[in-house]
Amino acid sequence: MAVVALNKENFKETIVNNPFVIVDFWAPWCEPCVAFTPVFEAASEKNPDILFGMVDTEANPEIAEYFEVTKIPGILVIREQAGIHAQQGEIGAPAFDKIIEWAREFDLTQVREYYAEEDSK
């Protein structure tokens, strides 16, 4: 699956309509961010069941501010609309693959229980 450019117009819709999303916070002037882009794109090809999206923090600072991204590159892993992992700073392909593997195995029981409790209010 191709990497999706996320912005304030499509971010929430993307999170709501996709059960597993990985977001890359980056900026065009950030050399480590640009260097990570091929790793991110390769991961998206290897994991077609996950939506991979990129947020340009220069063009969409409000999204980065909302998620308190203070250092880029930054990764946010979202499952069933819940942020389950945030990673700021440089990361290589092997570590990124491990994060994806961990996220796949993450037990969402507490998240689902929380949503059910909130829905019942």
PDB file of N, CA and C in Angstrom:
ATOM      1  N   MET A   1       0.847  -1.180   0.000  1.00  0.00           N
ATOM      2  CA  MET A   1       0.000   0.000   0.000  1.00  0.00           C
ATOM      3  C   MET A   1       0.893   1.245   0.000  1.00  0.00           C
ATOM      4  N   ALA A   2       0.504   2.217  -0.744  1.00  0.00           N
ATOM      5  CA  ALA A   2       1.265   3.467  -0.818  1.00  0.00           C
ATOM      6  C   ALA A   2       1.137   4.243   0.491  1.00  0.00           C
ATOM      7  N   VAL A   3       2.153   5.002   0.796  1.00  0.00           N
ATOM      8  CA  VAL A   3       2.135   5.856   1.974  1.00  0.00           C
ATOM      9  C   VAL A   3       1.201   7.040   1.701  1.00  0.00           C
ATOM     10  N   VAL A   4       0.371   7.368   2.684  1.00  0.00           N
ATOM     11  CA  VAL A   4      -0.621   8.429   2.551  1.00  0.00           C
ATOM     12  C   VAL A   4      -0.101   9.711   3.209  1.00  0.00           C
ATOM     13  N   ALA A   5      -0.255  10.826   2.530  1.00  0.00           N
ATOM     14  CA  ALA A   5       0.069  12.123   3.120  1.00  0.00           C
ATOM     15  C   ALA A   5      -1.088  12.513   4.031  1.00  0.00           C
ATOM     16  N   LEU A   6      -0.787  12.693   5.305  1.00  0.00           N
ATOM     17  CA  LEU A   6      -1.828  13.059   6.266  1.00  0.00           C
ATOM     18  C   LEU A   6      -1.761  14.546   6.573  1.00  0.00           C
ATOM     19  N   ASN A   7      -2.933  15.138   6.724  1.00  0.00           N
ATOM     20  CA  ASN A   7      -3.026  16.565   7.030  1.00  0.00           C
ATOM     21  C   ASN A   7      -4.253  16.783   7.915  1.00  0.00           C
ATOM     22  N   LYS A   8      -4.520  18.035   8.267  1.00  0.00           N
ATOM     23  CA  LYS A   8      -5.638  18.284   9.185  1.00  0.00           C
ATOM     24  C   LYS A   8      -6.984  17.930   8.569  1.00  0.00           C
ATOM     25  N   GLU A   9      -7.067  17.880   7.258  1.00  0.00           N
ATOM     26  CA  GLU A   9      -8.334  17.528   6.606  1.00  0.00           C
ATOM     27  C   GLU A   9      -8.617  16.020   6.644  1.00  0.00           C
ATOM     28  N   ASN A  10      -7.592  15.180   6.616  1.00  0.00           N
ATOM     29  CA  ASN A  10      -7.838  13.735   6.516  1.00  0.00           C
ATOM     30  C   ASN A  10      -7.324  12.926   7.704  1.00  0.00           C
ATOM     31  N   PHE A  11      -6.676  13.549   8.670  1.00  0.00           N
ATOM     32  CA  PHE A  11      -6.049  12.790   9.753  1.00  0.00           C
ATOM     33  C   PHE A  11      -7.074  12.007  10.567  1.00  0.00           C
ATOM     34  N   LYS A  12      -8.071  12.699  11.126  1.00  0.00           N
ATOM     35  CA  LYS A  12      -9.053  12.033  11.984  1.00  0.00           C
ATOM     36  C   LYS A  12      -9.795  10.936  11.229  1.00  0.00           C
ATOM     37  N   GLU A  13     -10.220  11.234  10.022  1.00  0.00           N
ATOM     38  CA  GLU A  13     -10.933  10.247   9.197  1.00  0.00           C
ATOM     39  C   GLU A  13     -10.073   9.000   8.976  1.00  0.00           C
ATOM     40  N   THR A  14      -8.792   9.211   8.749  1.00  0.00           N
ATOM     41  CA  THR A  14      -7.870   8.099   8.524  1.00  0.00           C
ATOM     42  C   THR A  14      -7.770   7.215   9.762  1.00  0.00           C
ATOM     43  N   ILE A  15      -7.657   7.841  10.922  1.00  0.00           N
ATOM     44  CA  ILE A  15      -7.544   7.095  12.175  1.00  0.00           C
ATOM     45  C   ILE A  15      -8.840   6.350  12.487  1.00  0.00           C
ATOM     46  N   VAL A  16      -9.967   6.983  12.258  1.00  0.00           N
ATOM     47  CA  VAL A  16     -11.272   6.375  12.552  1.00  0.00           C
ATOM     48  C   VAL A  16     -11.566   5.200  11.617  1.00  0.00           C
ATOM     49  N   ASN A  17     -11.180   5.325  10.352  1.00  0.00           N
ATOM     50  CA  ASN A  17     -11.562   4.327   9.348  1.00  0.00           C
ATOM     51  C   ASN A  17     -10.538   3.230   9.103  1.00  0.00           C
ATOM     52  N   ASN A  18      -9.429   3.232   9.828  1.00  0.00           N
ATOM     53  CA  ASN A  18      -8.394   2.207   9.648  1.00  0.00           C
ATOM     54  C   ASN A  18      -7.985   1.667  11.009  1.00  0.00           C
ATOM     55  N   PRO A  19      -8.060   0.350  11.202  1.00  0.00           N
ATOM     56  CA  PRO A  19      -7.795  -0.222  12.519  1.00  0.00           C
ATOM     57  C   PRO A  19      -6.324  -0.191  12.947  1.00  0.00           C
ATOM     58  N   PHE A  20      -5.409  -0.027  11.993  1.00  0.00           N
ATOM     59  CA  PHE A  20      -3.977  -0.066  12.318  1.00  0.00           C
ATOM     60  C   PHE A  20      -3.293   0.980  11.448  1.00  0.00           C
ATOM     61  N   VAL A  21      -2.756   2.012  12.088  1.00  0.00           N
ATOM     62  CA  VAL A  21      -2.123   3.123  11.373  1.00  0.00           C
ATOM     63  C   VAL A  21      -0.767   3.410  12.012  1.00  0.00           C
ATOM     64  N   ILE A  22       0.229   3.639  11.181  1.00  0.00           N
ATOM     65  CA  ILE A  22       1.530   4.093  11.670  1.00  0.00           C
ATOM     66  C   ILE A  22       1.814   5.432  11.006  1.00  0.00           C
ATOM     67  N   VAL A  23       2.083   6.428  11.856  1.00  0.00           N
ATOM     68  CA  VAL A  23       2.298   7.787  11.382  1.00  0.00           C
ATOM     69  C   VAL A  23       3.762   8.159  11.547  1.00  0.00           C
ATOM     70  N   ASP A  24       4.318   8.737  10.495  1.00  0.00           N
ATOM     71  CA  ASP A  24       5.681   9.260  10.506  1.00  0.00           C
ATOM     72  C   ASP A  24       5.587  10.781  10.511  1.00  0.00           C
ATOM     73  N   PHE A  25       6.076  11.414  11.580  1.00  0.00           N
ATOM     74  CA  PHE A  25       6.144  12.869  11.645  1.00  0.00           C
ATOM     75  C   PHE A  25       7.515  13.270  11.115  1.00  0.00           C
ATOM     76  N   TRP A  26       7.530  14.154  10.138  1.00  0.00           N
ATOM     77  CA  TRP A  26       8.781  14.511   9.472  1.00  0.00           C
ATOM     78  C   TRP A  26       8.718  15.957   8.987  1.00  0.00           C
ATOM     79  N   ALA A  27       9.831  16.436   8.456  1.00  0.00           N
ATOM     80  CA  ALA A  27       9.888  17.753   7.809  1.00  0.00           C
ATOM     81  C   ALA A  27      10.914  17.666   6.679  1.00  0.00           C
ATOM     82  N   PRO A  28      10.699  18.407   5.599  1.00  0.00           N
ATOM     83  CA  PRO A  28      11.593  18.320   4.444  1.00  0.00           C
ATOM     84  C   PRO A  28      13.032  18.744   4.743  1.00  0.00           C
ATOM     85  N   TRP A  29      13.235  19.597   5.738  1.00  0.00           N
ATOM     86  CA  TRP A  29      14.574  20.067   6.072  1.00  0.00           C
ATOM     87  C   TRP A  29      15.329  19.115   6.996  1.00  0.00           C
ATOM     88  N   CYS A  30      14.650  18.101   7.531  1.00  0.00           N
ATOM     89  CA  CYS A  30      15.216  17.172   8.520  1.00  0.00           C
ATOM     90  C   CYS A  30      15.914  16.008   7.812  1.00  0.00           C
ATOM     91  N   GLU A  31      17.239  16.016   7.823  1.00  0.00           N
ATOM     92  CA  GLU A  31      17.989  14.961   7.121  1.00  0.00           C
ATOM     93  C   GLU A  31      17.677  13.554   7.632  1.00  0.00           C
ATOM     94  N   PRO A  32      17.627  13.316   8.964  1.00  0.00           N
ATOM     95  CA  PRO A  32      17.261  11.977   9.428  1.00  0.00           C
ATOM     96  C   PRO A  32      15.857  11.562   8.991  1.00  0.00           C
ATOM     97  N   CYS A  33      14.951  12.544   8.895  1.00  0.00           N
ATOM     98  CA  CYS A  33      13.583  12.256   8.437  1.00  0.00           C
ATOM     99  C   CYS A  33      13.590  11.789   6.986  1.00  0.00           C
ATOM    100  N   VAL A  34      14.309  12.524   6.159  1.00  0.00           N
ATOM    101  CA  VAL A  34      14.395  12.199   4.737  1.00  0.00           C
ATOM    102  C   VAL A  34      15.078  10.840   4.558  1.00  0.00           C
ATOM    103  N   ALA A  35      16.091  10.572   5.382  1.00  0.00           N
ATOM    104  CA  ALA A  35      16.788   9.285   5.303  1.00  0.00           C
ATOM    105  C   ALA A  35      15.878   8.132   5.730  1.00  0.00           C
ATOM    106  N   PHE A  36      14.928   8.394   6.646  1.00  0.00           N
ATOM    107  CA  PHE A  36      14.022   7.361   7.131  1.00  0.00           C
ATOM    108  C   PHE A  36      12.897   7.056   6.144  1.00  0.00           C
ATOM    109  N   THR A  37      12.583   7.979   5.271  1.00  0.00           N
ATOM    110  CA  THR A  37      11.458   7.806   4.349  1.00  0.00           C
ATOM    111  C   THR A  37      11.516   6.496   3.560  1.00  0.00           C
ATOM    112  N   PRO A  38      12.658   6.098   2.967  1.00  0.00           N
ATOM    113  CA  PRO A  38      12.685   4.816   2.253  1.00  0.00           C
ATOM    114  C   PRO A  38      12.421   3.617   3.171  1.00  0.00           C
ATOM    115  N   VAL A  39      12.859   3.689   4.421  1.00  0.00           N
ATOM    116  CA  VAL A  39      12.598   2.620   5.400  1.00  0.00           C
ATOM    117  C   VAL A  39      11.094   2.538   5.659  1.00  0.00           C
ATOM    118  N   PHE A  40      10.466   3.695   5.855  1.00  0.00           N
ATOM    119  CA  PHE A  40       9.027   3.768   6.101  1.00  0.00           C
ATOM    120  C   PHE A  40       8.250   3.231   4.901  1.00  0.00           C
ATOM    121  N   GLU A  41       8.654   3.642   3.707  1.00  0.00           N
ATOM    122  CA  GLU A  41       7.983   3.177   2.487  1.00  0.00           C
ATOM    123  C   GLU A  41       8.151   1.676   2.297  1.00  0.00           C
ATOM    124  N   ALA A  42       9.338   1.146   2.581  1.00  0.00           N
ATOM    125  CA  ALA A  42       9.577  -0.303   2.452  1.00  0.00           C
ATOM    126  C   ALA A  42       8.706  -1.066   3.444  1.00  0.00           C
ATOM    127  N   ALA A  43       8.573  -0.549   4.657  1.00  0.00           N
ATOM    128  CA  ALA A  43       7.720  -1.198   5.654  1.00  0.00           C
ATOM    129  C   ALA A  43       6.264  -1.210   5.201  1.00  0.00           C
ATOM    130  N   SER A  44       5.843  -0.130   4.538  1.00  0.00           N
ATOM    131  CA  SER A  44       4.454  -0.086   4.058  1.00  0.00           C
ATOM    132  C   SER A  44       4.214  -1.150   2.991  1.00  0.00           C
ATOM    133  N   GLU A  45       5.221  -1.413   2.187  1.00  0.00           N
ATOM    134  CA  GLU A  45       5.095  -2.450   1.148  1.00  0.00           C
ATOM    135  C   GLU A  45       5.026  -3.844   1.777  1.00  0.00           C
ATOM    136  N   LYS A  46       5.801  -4.051   2.861  1.00  0.00           N
ATOM    137  CA  LYS A  46       5.852  -5.361   3.520  1.00  0.00           C
ATOM    138  C   LYS A  46       4.631  -5.614   4.400  1.00  0.00           C
ATOM    139  N   ASN A  47       3.885  -4.569   4.716  1.00  0.00           N
ATOM    140  CA  ASN A  47       2.747  -4.677   5.643  1.00  0.00           C
ATOM    141  C   ASN A  47       1.506  -4.020   5.035  1.00  0.00           C
ATOM    142  N   PRO A  48       0.951  -4.620   3.989  1.00  0.00           N
ATOM    143  CA  PRO A  48      -0.165  -3.984   3.280  1.00  0.00           C
ATOM    144  C   PRO A  48      -1.448  -3.861   4.105  1.00  0.00           C
ATOM    145  N   ASP A  49      -1.532  -4.560   5.229  1.00  0.00           N
ATOM    146  CA  ASP A  49      -2.724  -4.465   6.082  1.00  0.00           C
ATOM    147  C   ASP A  49      -2.676  -3.266   7.022  1.00  0.00           C
ATOM    148  N   ILE A  50      -1.549  -2.566   7.048  1.00  0.00           N
ATOM    149  CA  ILE A  50      -1.388  -1.394   7.905  1.00  0.00           C
ATOM    150  C   ILE A  50      -1.403  -0.152   7.025  1.00  0.00           C
ATOM    151  N   LEU A  51      -2.092   0.895   7.478  1.00  0.00           N
ATOM    152  CA  LEU A  51      -2.032   2.158   6.751  1.00  0.00           C
ATOM    153  C   LEU A  51      -0.840   2.955   7.282  1.00  0.00           C
ATOM    154  N   PHE A  52       0.050   3.343   6.401  1.00  0.00           N
ATOM    155  CA  PHE A  52       1.212   4.153   6.736  1.00  0.00           C
ATOM    156  C   PHE A  52       0.959   5.565   6.239  1.00  0.00           C
ATOM    157  N   GLY A  53       1.075   6.529   7.147  1.00  0.00           N
ATOM    158  CA  GLY A  53       0.836   7.915   6.779  1.00  0.00           C
ATOM    159  C   GLY A  53       1.958   8.809   7.262  1.00  0.00           C
ATOM    160  N   MET A  54       2.187   9.876   6.520  1.00  0.00           N
ATOM    161  CA  MET A  54       3.236  10.835   6.868  1.00  0.00           C
ATOM    162  C   MET A  54       2.630  12.205   7.112  1.00  0.00           C
ATOM    163  N   VAL A  55       3.053  12.836   8.206  1.00  0.00           N
ATOM    164  CA  VAL A  55       2.627  14.190   8.533  1.00  0.00           C
ATOM    165  C   VAL A  55       3.831  15.112   8.400  1.00  0.00           C
ATOM    166  N   ASP A  56       3.749  16.042   7.472  1.00  0.00           N
ATOM    167  CA  ASP A  56       4.776  17.073   7.324  1.00  0.00           C
ATOM    168  C   ASP A  56       4.527  18.088   8.432  1.00  0.00           C
ATOM    169  N   THR A  57       5.432  18.130   9.415  1.00  0.00           N
ATOM    170  CA  THR A  57       5.228  18.994  10.579  1.00  0.00           C
ATOM    171  C   THR A  57       5.342  20.478  10.239  1.00  0.00           C
ATOM    172  N   GLU A  58       5.961  20.788   9.120  1.00  0.00           N
ATOM    173  CA  GLU A  58       6.029  22.187   8.679  1.00  0.00           C
ATOM    174  C   GLU A  58       4.666  22.645   8.160  1.00  0.00           C
ATOM    175  N   ALA A  59       4.034  21.806   7.362  1.00  0.00           N
ATOM    176  CA  ALA A  59       2.751  22.141   6.756  1.00  0.00           C
ATOM    177  C   ALA A  59       1.575  21.922   7.713  1.00  0.00           C
ATOM    178  N   ASN A  60       1.757  21.031   8.700  1.00  0.00           N
ATOM    179  CA  ASN A  60       0.673  20.664   9.618  1.00  0.00           C
ATOM    180  C   ASN A  60       1.151  20.672  11.071  1.00  0.00           C
ATOM    181  N   PRO A  61       1.608  21.819  11.553  1.00  0.00           N
ATOM    182  CA  PRO A  61       2.153  21.857  12.914  1.00  0.00           C
ATOM    183  C   PRO A  61       1.126  21.523  13.999  1.00  0.00           C
ATOM    184  N   GLU A  62      -0.148  21.777  13.728  1.00  0.00           N
ATOM    185  CA  GLU A  62      -1.157  21.521  14.749  1.00  0.00           C
ATOM    186  C   GLU A  62      -1.283  20.027  15.074  1.00  0.00           C
ATOM    187  N   ILE A  63      -1.045  19.159  14.100  1.00  0.00           N
ATOM    188  CA  ILE A  63      -1.116  17.714  14.368  1.00  0.00           C
ATOM    189  C   ILE A  63       0.056  17.314  15.262  1.00  0.00           C
ATOM    190  N   ALA A  64       1.250  17.787  14.923  1.00  0.00           N
ATOM    191  CA  ALA A  64       2.429  17.484  15.737  1.00  0.00           C
ATOM    192  C   ALA A  64       2.259  18.034  17.152  1.00  0.00           C
ATOM    193  N   GLU A  65       1.715  19.232  17.269  1.00  0.00           N
ATOM    194  CA  GLU A  65       1.500  19.829  18.588  1.00  0.00           C
ATOM    195  C   GLU A  65       0.496  19.017  19.402  1.00  0.00           C
ATOM    196  N   TYR A  66      -0.579  18.577  18.755  1.00  0.00           N
ATOM    197  CA  TYR A  66      -1.603  17.795  19.443  1.00  0.00           C
ATOM    198  C   TYR A  66      -1.007  16.529  20.049  1.00  0.00           C
ATOM    199  N   PHE A  67      -0.118  15.868  19.305  1.00  0.00           N
ATOM    200  CA  PHE A  67       0.499  14.629  19.779  1.00  0.00           C
ATOM    201  C   PHE A  67       1.818  14.866  20.519  1.00  0.00           C
ATOM    202  N   GLU A  68       2.110  16.130  20.789  1.00  0.00           N
ATOM    203  CA  GLU A  68       3.295  16.514  21.549  1.00  0.00           C
ATOM    204  C   GLU A  68       4.586  15.976  20.937  1.00  0.00           C
ATOM    205  N   VAL A  69       4.663  16.041  19.624  1.00  0.00           N
ATOM    206  CA  VAL A  69       5.881  15.641  18.921  1.00  0.00           C
ATOM    207  C   VAL A  69       6.845  16.818  18.996  1.00  0.00           C
ATOM    208  N   THR A  70       7.913  16.629  19.750  1.00  0.00           N
ATOM    209  CA  THR A  70       8.888  17.703  19.944  1.00  0.00           C
ATOM    210  C   THR A  70      10.193  17.437  19.226  1.00  0.00           C
ATOM    211  N   LYS A  71      10.352  16.217  18.733  1.00  0.00           N
ATOM    212  CA  LYS A  71      11.571  15.841  18.029  1.00  0.00           C
ATOM    213  C   LYS A  71      11.182  14.976  16.834  1.00  0.00           C
ATOM    214  N   ILE A  72      11.788  15.263  15.701  1.00  0.00           N
ATOM    215  CA  ILE A  72      11.522  14.455  14.507  1.00  0.00           C
ATOM    216  C   ILE A  72      12.824  13.840  14.030  1.00  0.00           C
ATOM    217  N   PRO A  73      12.763  12.716  13.337  1.00  0.00           N
ATOM    218  CA  PRO A  73      11.536  11.990  12.987  1.00  0.00           C
ATOM    219  C   PRO A  73      10.832  11.437  14.224  1.00  0.00           C
ATOM    220  N   GLY A  74       9.546  11.276  14.063  1.00  0.00           N
ATOM    221  CA  GLY A  74       8.728  10.715  15.127  1.00  0.00           C
ATOM    222  C   GLY A  74       7.747   9.713  14.560  1.00  0.00           C
ATOM    223  N   ILE A  75       7.547   8.634  15.282  1.00  0.00           N
ATOM    224  CA  ILE A  75       6.628   7.571  14.851  1.00  0.00           C
ATOM    225  C   ILE A  75       5.517   7.458  15.892  1.00  0.00           C
ATOM    226  N   LEU A  76       4.292   7.328  15.428  1.00  0.00           N
ATOM    227  CA  LEU A  76       3.148   7.080  16.302  1.00  0.00           C
ATOM    228  C   LEU A  76       2.412   5.863  15.760  1.00  0.00           C
ATOM    229  N   VAL A  77       2.252   4.847  16.614  1.00  0.00           N
ATOM    230  CA  VAL A  77       1.536   3.628  16.236  1.00  0.00           C
ATOM    231  C   VAL A  77       0.149   3.693  16.855  1.00  0.00           C
ATOM    232  N   ILE A  78      -0.862   3.547  16.006  1.00  0.00           N
ATOM    233  CA  ILE A  78      -2.254   3.654  16.432  1.00  0.00           C
ATOM    234  C   ILE A  78      -2.990   2.372  16.054  1.00  0.00           C
ATOM    235  N   ARG A  79      -3.617   1.741  17.058  1.00  0.00           N
ATOM    236  CA  ARG A  79      -4.461   0.574  16.796  1.00  0.00           C
ATOM    237  C   ARG A  79      -5.841   0.877  17.366  1.00  0.00           C
ATOM    238  N   GLU A  80      -6.850   0.673  16.555  1.00  0.00           N
ATOM    239  CA  GLU A  80      -8.240   0.892  16.953  1.00  0.00           C
ATOM    240  C   GLU A  80      -8.407   2.260  17.618  1.00  0.00           C
ATOM    241  N   GLN A  81      -7.820   3.266  17.003  1.00  0.00           N
ATOM    242  CA  GLN A  81      -7.914   4.676  17.395  1.00  0.00           C
ATOM    243  C   GLN A  81      -7.153   5.009  18.681  1.00  0.00           C
ATOM    244  N   ALA A  82      -6.367   4.082  19.203  1.00  0.00           N
ATOM    245  CA  ALA A  82      -5.594   4.341  20.419  1.00  0.00           C
ATOM    246  C   ALA A  82      -4.111   4.368  20.083  1.00  0.00           C
ATOM    247  N   GLY A  83      -3.443   5.416  20.529  1.00  0.00           N
ATOM    248  CA  GLY A  83      -1.998   5.472  20.356  1.00  0.00           C
ATOM    249  C   GLY A  83      -1.355   4.494  21.317  1.00  0.00           C
ATOM    250  N   ILE A  84      -0.646   3.491  20.795  1.00  0.00           N
ATOM    251  CA  ILE A  84      -0.056   2.467  21.662  1.00  0.00           C
ATOM    252  C   ILE A  84       1.465   2.579  21.757  1.00  0.00           C
ATOM    253  N   HIS A  85       2.076   3.376  20.873  1.00  0.00           N
ATOM    254  CA  HIS A  85       3.529   3.548  20.946  1.00  0.00           C
ATOM    255  C   HIS A  85       3.920   4.844  20.245  1.00  0.00           C
ATOM    256  N   ALA A  86       4.818   5.576  20.876  1.00  0.00           N
ATOM    257  CA  ALA A  86       5.386   6.768  20.258  1.00  0.00           C
ATOM    258  C   ALA A  86       6.898   6.664  20.343  1.00  0.00           C
ATOM    259  N   GLN A  87       7.549   7.014  19.263  1.00  0.00           N
ATOM    260  CA  GLN A  87       9.009   6.927  19.160  1.00  0.00           C
ATOM    261  C   GLN A  87       9.489   8.214  18.523  1.00  0.00           C
ATOM    262  N   GLN A  88      10.383   8.926  19.208  1.00  0.00           N
ATOM    263  CA  GLN A  88      10.943  10.135  18.632  1.00  0.00           C
ATOM    264  C   GLN A  88      12.440   9.957  18.454  1.00  0.00           C
ATOM    265  N   GLY A  89      12.944  10.467  17.350  1.00  0.00           N
ATOM    266  CA  GLY A  89      14.361  10.353  17.043  1.00  0.00           C
ATOM    267  C   GLY A  89      14.611   9.315  15.965  1.00  0.00           C
ATOM    268  N   GLU A  90      15.858   9.216  15.570  1.00  0.00           N
ATOM    269  CA  GLU A  90      16.229   8.322  14.481  1.00  0.00           C
ATOM    270  C   GLU A  90      15.986   6.861  14.844  1.00  0.00           C
ATOM    271  N   ILE A  91      15.629   6.088  13.843  1.00  0.00           N
ATOM    272  CA  ILE A  91      15.391   4.658  14.014  1.00  0.00           C
ATOM    273  C   ILE A  91      15.760   3.952  12.707  1.00  0.00           C
ATOM    274  N   GLY A  92      16.348   2.790  12.819  1.00  0.00           N
ATOM    275  CA  GLY A  92      16.720   2.011  11.637  1.00  0.00           C
ATOM    276  C   GLY A  92      15.665   0.984  11.285  1.00  0.00           C
ATOM    277  N   ALA A  93      15.822   0.370  10.143  1.00  0.00           N
ATOM    278  CA  ALA A  93      14.843  -0.610   9.649  1.00  0.00           C
ATOM    279  C   ALA A  93      14.646  -1.786  10.606  1.00  0.00           C
ATOM    280  N   PRO A  94      15.715  -2.391  11.149  1.00  0.00           N
ATOM    281  CA  PRO A  94      15.478  -3.535  12.052  1.00  0.00           C
ATOM    282  C   PRO A  94      14.654  -3.154  13.280  1.00  0.00           C
ATOM    283  N   ALA A  95      14.942  -2.002  13.872  1.00  0.00           N
ATOM    284  CA  ALA A  95      14.181  -1.562  15.049  1.00  0.00           C
ATOM    285  C   ALA A  95      12.741  -1.240  14.668  1.00  0.00           C
ATOM    286  N   PHE A  96      12.544  -0.628  13.515  1.00  0.00           N
ATOM    287  CA  PHE A  96      11.192  -0.303  13.064  1.00  0.00           C
ATOM    288  C   PHE A  96      10.395  -1.586  12.832  1.00  0.00           C
ATOM    289  N   ASP A  97      11.033  -2.583  12.245  1.00  0.00           N
ATOM    290  CA  ASP A  97      10.366  -3.877  12.047  1.00  0.00           C
ATOM    291  C   ASP A  97       9.950  -4.487  13.383  1.00  0.00           C
ATOM    292  N   LYS A  98      10.792  -4.351  14.405  1.00  0.00           N
ATOM    293  CA  LYS A  98      10.476  -4.882  15.737  1.00  0.00           C
ATOM    294  C   LYS A  98       9.285  -4.131  16.347  1.00  0.00           C
ATOM    295  N   ILE A  99       9.229  -2.823  16.138  1.00  0.00           N
ATOM    296  CA  ILE A  99       8.099  -2.040  16.640  1.00  0.00           C
ATOM    297  C   ILE A  99       6.807  -2.516  15.982  1.00  0.00           C
ATOM    298  N   ILE A 100       6.858  -2.748  14.681  1.00  0.00           N
ATOM    299  CA  ILE A 100       5.665  -3.226  13.964  1.00  0.00           C
ATOM    300  C   ILE A 100       5.256  -4.600  14.486  1.00  0.00           C
ATOM    301  N   GLU A 101       6.228  -5.477  14.674  1.00  0.00           N
ATOM    302  CA  GLU A 101       5.950  -6.820  15.200  1.00  0.00           C
ATOM    303  C   GLU A 101       5.310  -6.717  16.594  1.00  0.00           C
ATOM    304  N   TRP A 102       5.886  -5.876  17.459  1.00  0.00           N
ATOM    305  CA  TRP A 102       5.342  -5.677  18.797  1.00  0.00           C
ATOM    306  C   TRP A 102       3.909  -5.144  18.728  1.00  0.00           C
ATOM    307  N   ALA A 103       3.685  -4.167  17.843  1.00  0.00           N
ATOM    308  CA  ALA A 103       2.361  -3.548  17.721  1.00  0.00           C
ATOM    309  C   ALA A 103       1.314  -4.551  17.246  1.00  0.00           C
ATOM    310  N   ARG A 104       1.710  -5.456  16.369  1.00  0.00           N
ATOM    311  CA  ARG A 104       0.785  -6.500  15.896  1.00  0.00           C
ATOM    312  C   ARG A 104       0.328  -7.386  17.056  1.00  0.00           C
ATOM    313  N   GLU A 105       1.252  -7.654  17.980  1.00  0.00           N
ATOM    314  CA  GLU A 105       0.977  -8.572  19.086  1.00  0.00           C
ATOM    315  C   GLU A 105       0.395  -7.871  20.310  1.00  0.00           C
ATOM    316  N   PHE A 106       0.312  -6.553  20.270  1.00  0.00           N
ATOM    317  CA  PHE A 106      -0.153  -5.782  21.420  1.00  0.00           C
ATOM    318  C   PHE A 106      -1.573  -6.184  21.807  1.00  0.00           C
ATOM    319  N   ASP A 107      -1.774  -6.471  23.080  1.00  0.00           N
ATOM    320  CA  ASP A 107      -3.084  -6.870  23.594  1.00  0.00           C
ATOM    321  C   ASP A 107      -3.961  -5.626  23.779  1.00  0.00           C
ATOM    322  N   LEU A 108      -5.017  -5.545  23.021  1.00  0.00           N
ATOM    323  CA  LEU A 108      -5.913  -4.388  23.053  1.00  0.00           C
ATOM    324  C   LEU A 108      -7.084  -4.548  24.026  1.00  0.00           C
ATOM    325  N   THR A 109      -7.018  -5.536  24.894  1.00  0.00           N
ATOM    326  CA  THR A 109      -8.129  -5.793  25.823  1.00  0.00           C
ATOM    327  C   THR A 109      -8.468  -4.558  26.646  1.00  0.00           C
ATOM    328  N   GLN A 110      -7.462  -3.926  27.247  1.00  0.00           N
ATOM    329  CA  GLN A 110      -7.735  -2.745  28.075  1.00  0.00           C
ATOM    330  C   GLN A 110      -8.311  -1.597  27.252  1.00  0.00           C
ATOM    331  N   VAL A 111      -7.822  -1.432  26.051  1.00  0.00           N
ATOM    332  CA  VAL A 111      -8.327  -0.375  25.176  1.00  0.00           C
ATOM    333  C   VAL A 111      -9.805  -0.623  24.874  1.00  0.00           C
ATOM    334  N   ARG A 112     -10.122  -1.844  24.520  1.00  0.00           N
ATOM    335  CA  ARG A 112     -11.513  -2.182  24.199  1.00  0.00           C
ATOM    336  C   ARG A 112     -12.418  -2.028  25.421  1.00  0.00           C
ATOM    337  N   GLU A 113     -11.917  -2.431  26.594  1.00  0.00           N
ATOM    338  CA  GLU A 113     -12.702  -2.276  27.820  1.00  0.00           C
ATOM    339  C   GLU A 113     -12.955  -0.794  28.109  1.00  0.00           C
ATOM    340  N   TYR A 114     -11.954   0.028  27.908  1.00  0.00           N
ATOM    341  CA  TYR A 114     -12.101   1.472  28.123  1.00  0.00           C
ATOM    342  C   TYR A 114     -13.159   2.038  27.180  1.00  0.00           C
ATOM    343  N   TYR A 115     -13.079   1.675  25.894  1.00  0.00           N
ATOM    344  CA  TYR A 115     -14.070   2.162  24.923  1.00  0.00           C
ATOM    345  C   TYR A 115     -15.478   1.709  25.308  1.00  0.00           C
ATOM    346  N   ALA A 116     -15.615   0.440  25.731  1.00  0.00           N
ATOM    347  CA  ALA A 116     -16.930  -0.087  26.118  1.00  0.00           C
ATOM    348  C   ALA A 116     -17.474   0.676  27.327  1.00  0.00           C
ATOM    349  N   GLU A 117     -16.600   0.978  28.293  1.00  0.00           N
ATOM    350  CA  GLU A 117     -17.003   1.725  29.480  1.00  0.00           C
ATOM    351  C   GLU A 117     -17.450   3.140  29.090  1.00  0.00           C
ATOM    352  N   GLU A 118     -16.703   3.775  28.202  1.00  0.00           N
ATOM    353  CA  GLU A 118     -17.054   5.127  27.758  1.00  0.00           C
ATOM    354  C   GLU A 118     -18.373   5.130  26.976  1.00  0.00           C
ATOM    355  N   ASP A 119     -18.567   4.102  26.167  1.00  0.00           N
ATOM    356  CA  ASP A 119     -19.810   3.998  25.379  1.00  0.00           C
ATOM    357  C   ASP A 119     -21.032   3.799  26.269  1.00  0.00           C
ATOM    358  N   SER A 120     -20.843   3.158  27.419  1.00  0.00           N
ATOM    359  CA  SER A 120     -21.965   2.861  28.298  1.00  0.00           C
ATOM    360  C   SER A 120     -22.386   4.068  29.152  1.00  0.00           C
ATOM    361  N   LYS A 121     -21.595   5.123  29.147  1.00  0.00           N
ATOM    362  CA  LYS A 121     -21.908   6.323  29.947  1.00  0.00           C
ATOM    363  C   LYS A 121     -22.993   7.168  29.303  1.00  0.00           C
TER     364      LYS A 121
END
